[in-house]
């Protein structure tokens, strides 16, 4: 009822209770992106430079506070320094989405091509 009557607040029901820390572990997603980065270069969405594998964070393209999930479609390696700069703000669509989509497409292609990457 609350979500249906407040459509402008995404994930309202999840904001009513504290997040369970166990539910927010990104270990498997991090391992996947580590493996992808060993195989193919990935461009940082915000810096438009190749990700430095020694200093990157796995972050949400659409901030967690908006979508309230840790789904793979929304996770992306980004330069550690940008993680705090971007904060919980929605990214601008035009300058960033094309690179985000290319990275996601590349990652899913590699998963499909290399069964061991699962």
C-alpha atoms as a PDB file:
ATOM      1  CA  UNK A   1       0.000   0.000   0.000  1.00  0.00           C
ATOM      2  CA  UNK A   2       2.764   2.467   0.939  1.00  0.00           C
ATOM      3  CA  UNK A   3       4.730   1.839  -2.267  1.00  0.00           C
ATOM      4  CA  UNK A   4       1.627   2.040  -4.469  1.00  0.00           C
ATOM      5  CA  UNK A   5       0.652   5.349  -2.912  1.00  0.00           C
ATOM      6  CA  UNK A   6       4.184   6.794  -3.039  1.00  0.00           C
ATOM      7  CA  UNK A   7       5.495   5.859  -6.509  1.00  0.00           C
ATOM      8  CA  UNK A   8       8.002   8.735  -6.468  1.00  0.00           C
ATOM      9  CA  UNK A   9       9.931   7.028  -3.633  1.00  0.00           C
ATOM     10  CA  UNK A  10      11.631   3.931  -5.103  1.00  0.00           C
ATOM     11  CA  UNK A  11      12.084   0.993  -2.738  1.00  0.00           C
ATOM     12  CA  UNK A  12      10.054   2.624   0.020  1.00  0.00           C
ATOM     13  CA  UNK A  13       9.454  -0.612   1.933  1.00  0.00           C
ATOM     14  CA  UNK A  14      13.201  -1.237   2.135  1.00  0.00           C
ATOM     15  CA  UNK A  15      13.784   2.214   3.585  1.00  0.00           C
ATOM     16  CA  UNK A  16      11.479   1.527   6.523  1.00  0.00           C
ATOM     17  CA  UNK A  17      13.784  -1.075   8.068  1.00  0.00           C
ATOM     18  CA  UNK A  18      17.584  -1.144   8.401  1.00  0.00           C
ATOM     19  CA  UNK A  19      19.392  -3.040   5.671  1.00  0.00           C
ATOM     20  CA  UNK A  20      20.701  -6.429   6.645  1.00  0.00           C
ATOM     21  CA  UNK A  21      24.469  -6.255   6.126  1.00  0.00           C
ATOM     22  CA  UNK A  22      24.573  -9.901   5.041  1.00  0.00           C
ATOM     23  CA  UNK A  23      22.223  -9.092   2.190  1.00  0.00           C
ATOM     24  CA  UNK A  24      24.575  -6.370   0.899  1.00  0.00           C
ATOM     25  CA  UNK A  25      27.703  -8.443   0.307  1.00  0.00           C
ATOM     26  CA  UNK A  26      29.152  -7.827  -3.117  1.00  0.00           C
ATOM     27  CA  UNK A  27      31.870 -10.491  -2.945  1.00  0.00           C
ATOM     28  CA  UNK A  28      30.620 -12.563  -5.876  1.00  0.00           C
ATOM     29  CA  UNK A  29      30.048  -9.525  -8.071  1.00  0.00           C
ATOM     30  CA  UNK A  30      33.544  -8.284  -7.223  1.00  0.00           C
ATOM     31  CA  UNK A  31      35.052 -11.667  -8.149  1.00  0.00           C
ATOM     32  CA  UNK A  32      33.213 -11.601 -11.461  1.00  0.00           C
ATOM     33  CA  UNK A  33      34.418  -8.104 -12.331  1.00  0.00           C
ATOM     34  CA  UNK A  34      37.973  -9.037 -11.263  1.00  0.00           C
ATOM     35  CA  UNK A  35      37.837 -11.956 -13.721  1.00  0.00           C
ATOM     36  CA  UNK A  36      36.400  -9.760 -16.482  1.00  0.00           C
ATOM     37  CA  UNK A  37      39.129  -7.161 -15.948  1.00  0.00           C
ATOM     38  CA  UNK A  38      41.783  -9.883 -16.335  1.00  0.00           C
ATOM     39  CA  UNK A  39      40.368 -10.740 -19.766  1.00  0.00           C
ATOM     40  CA  UNK A  40      39.297  -7.419 -21.230  1.00  0.00           C
ATOM     41  CA  UNK A  41      39.863  -3.723 -20.564  1.00  0.00           C
ATOM     42  CA  UNK A  42      36.907  -1.901 -19.032  1.00  0.00           C
ATOM     43  CA  UNK A  43      36.487   1.847 -19.367  1.00  0.00           C
ATOM     44  CA  UNK A  44      35.612   3.824 -16.247  1.00  0.00           C
ATOM     45  CA  UNK A  45      32.128   5.238 -16.747  1.00  0.00           C
ATOM     46  CA  UNK A  46      32.936   8.586 -15.140  1.00  0.00           C
ATOM     47  CA  UNK A  47      36.590   9.152 -16.062  1.00  0.00           C
ATOM     48  CA  UNK A  48      36.466   7.696 -19.597  1.00  0.00           C
ATOM     49  CA  UNK A  49      39.782   5.937 -18.940  1.00  0.00           C
ATOM     50  CA  UNK A  50      40.659   2.278 -18.578  1.00  0.00           C
ATOM     51  CA  UNK A  51      40.037   0.921 -15.058  1.00  0.00           C
ATOM     52  CA  UNK A  52      43.177   0.531 -12.977  1.00  0.00           C
ATOM     53  CA  UNK A  53      42.717  -2.961 -11.559  1.00  0.00           C
ATOM     54  CA  UNK A  54      44.777  -2.097  -8.484  1.00  0.00           C
ATOM     55  CA  UNK A  55      42.468   0.722  -7.350  1.00  0.00           C
ATOM     56  CA  UNK A  56      38.833   0.377  -8.195  1.00  0.00           C
ATOM     57  CA  UNK A  57      35.597   0.058  -6.282  1.00  0.00           C
ATOM     58  CA  UNK A  58      32.512  -1.822  -7.285  1.00  0.00           C
ATOM     59  CA  UNK A  59      29.730   0.721  -7.203  1.00  0.00           C
ATOM     60  CA  UNK A  60      26.107   1.186  -8.169  1.00  0.00           C
ATOM     61  CA  UNK A  61      25.490   3.143 -11.371  1.00  0.00           C
ATOM     62  CA  UNK A  62      22.043   4.083 -10.091  1.00  0.00           C
ATOM     63  CA  UNK A  63      22.657   4.778  -6.380  1.00  0.00           C
ATOM     64  CA  UNK A  64      21.570   2.072  -3.967  1.00  0.00           C
ATOM     65  CA  UNK A  65      19.382   4.612  -2.164  1.00  0.00           C
ATOM     66  CA  UNK A  66      17.226   4.849  -5.312  1.00  0.00           C
ATOM     67  CA  UNK A  67      16.878   1.209  -6.374  1.00  0.00           C
ATOM     68  CA  UNK A  68      17.608  -0.555  -3.055  1.00  0.00           C
ATOM     69  CA  UNK A  69      19.275  -3.589  -4.613  1.00  0.00           C
ATOM     70  CA  UNK A  70      22.690  -4.981  -5.438  1.00  0.00           C
ATOM     71  CA  UNK A  71      21.742  -6.542  -8.757  1.00  0.00           C
ATOM     72  CA  UNK A  72      24.543  -7.190 -11.220  1.00  0.00           C
ATOM     73  CA  UNK A  73      22.933  -4.988 -13.910  1.00  0.00           C
ATOM     74  CA  UNK A  74      23.578  -1.950 -11.698  1.00  0.00           C
ATOM     75  CA  UNK A  75      27.107  -2.712 -10.461  1.00  0.00           C
ATOM     76  CA  UNK A  76      30.151  -1.310 -12.217  1.00  0.00           C
ATOM     77  CA  UNK A  77      33.859  -0.987 -11.471  1.00  0.00           C
ATOM     78  CA  UNK A  78      34.810   2.672 -11.054  1.00  0.00           C
ATOM     79  CA  UNK A  79      37.895   4.516  -9.913  1.00  0.00           C
ATOM     80  CA  UNK A  80      38.011   4.585  -6.100  1.00  0.00           C
ATOM     81  CA  UNK A  81      38.265   8.375  -6.026  1.00  0.00           C
ATOM     82  CA  UNK A  82      34.986   8.741  -7.948  1.00  0.00           C
ATOM     83  CA  UNK A  83      33.017   6.552  -5.578  1.00  0.00           C
ATOM     84  CA  UNK A  84      32.898   9.283  -2.940  1.00  0.00           C
ATOM     85  CA  UNK A  85      32.577  12.120  -5.489  1.00  0.00           C
ATOM     86  CA  UNK A  86      29.437  10.699  -7.022  1.00  0.00           C
ATOM     87  CA  UNK A  87      27.859  10.062  -3.608  1.00  0.00           C
ATOM     88  CA  UNK A  88      24.134   9.248  -3.820  1.00  0.00           C
ATOM     89  CA  UNK A  89      23.408  11.465  -6.796  1.00  0.00           C
ATOM     90  CA  UNK A  90      21.849  10.128  -9.975  1.00  0.00           C
ATOM     91  CA  UNK A  91      24.389  10.248 -12.816  1.00  0.00           C
ATOM     92  CA  UNK A  92      23.663  12.366 -15.857  1.00  0.00           C
ATOM     93  CA  UNK A  93      22.353  10.098 -18.590  1.00  0.00           C
ATOM     94  CA  UNK A  94      24.001  11.367 -21.771  1.00  0.00           C
ATOM     95  CA  UNK A  95      27.672  11.486 -20.879  1.00  0.00           C
ATOM     96  CA  UNK A  96      27.732   8.220 -18.923  1.00  0.00           C
ATOM     97  CA  UNK A  97      25.090   5.716 -20.000  1.00  0.00           C
ATOM     98  CA  UNK A  98      26.701   4.634 -23.297  1.00  0.00           C
ATOM     99  CA  UNK A  99      29.928   3.576 -21.533  1.00  0.00           C
ATOM    100  CA  UNK A 100      27.952   1.914 -18.735  1.00  0.00           C
ATOM    101  CA  UNK A 101      25.906  -0.065 -21.280  1.00  0.00           C
ATOM    102  CA  UNK A 102      29.027  -1.076 -23.253  1.00  0.00           C
ATOM    103  CA  UNK A 103      30.706  -2.332 -20.067  1.00  0.00           C
ATOM    104  CA  UNK A 104      27.649  -4.309 -19.037  1.00  0.00           C
ATOM    105  CA  UNK A 105      27.250  -5.758 -22.533  1.00  0.00           C
ATOM    106  CA  UNK A 106      30.918  -6.756 -22.593  1.00  0.00           C
ATOM    107  CA  UNK A 107      30.669  -8.404 -19.182  1.00  0.00           C
ATOM    108  CA  UNK A 108      27.560 -10.410 -20.122  1.00  0.00           C
ATOM    109  CA  UNK A 109      29.145 -11.412 -23.456  1.00  0.00           C
ATOM    110  CA  UNK A 110      32.188 -12.763 -21.628  1.00  0.00           C
ATOM    111  CA  UNK A 111      29.955 -14.713 -19.236  1.00  0.00           C
ATOM    112  CA  UNK A 112      28.174 -16.235 -22.227  1.00  0.00           C
ATOM    113  CA  UNK A 113      31.393 -17.031 -24.111  1.00  0.00           C
ATOM    114  CA  UNK A 114      33.338 -18.433 -21.155  1.00  0.00           C
ATOM    115  CA  UNK A 115      31.366 -20.873 -19.050  1.00  0.00           C
ATOM    116  CA  UNK A 116      33.993 -20.783 -16.284  1.00  0.00           C
ATOM    117  CA  UNK A 117      33.279 -17.112 -15.665  1.00  0.00           C
ATOM    118  CA  UNK A 118      29.909 -17.946 -14.104  1.00  0.00           C
END
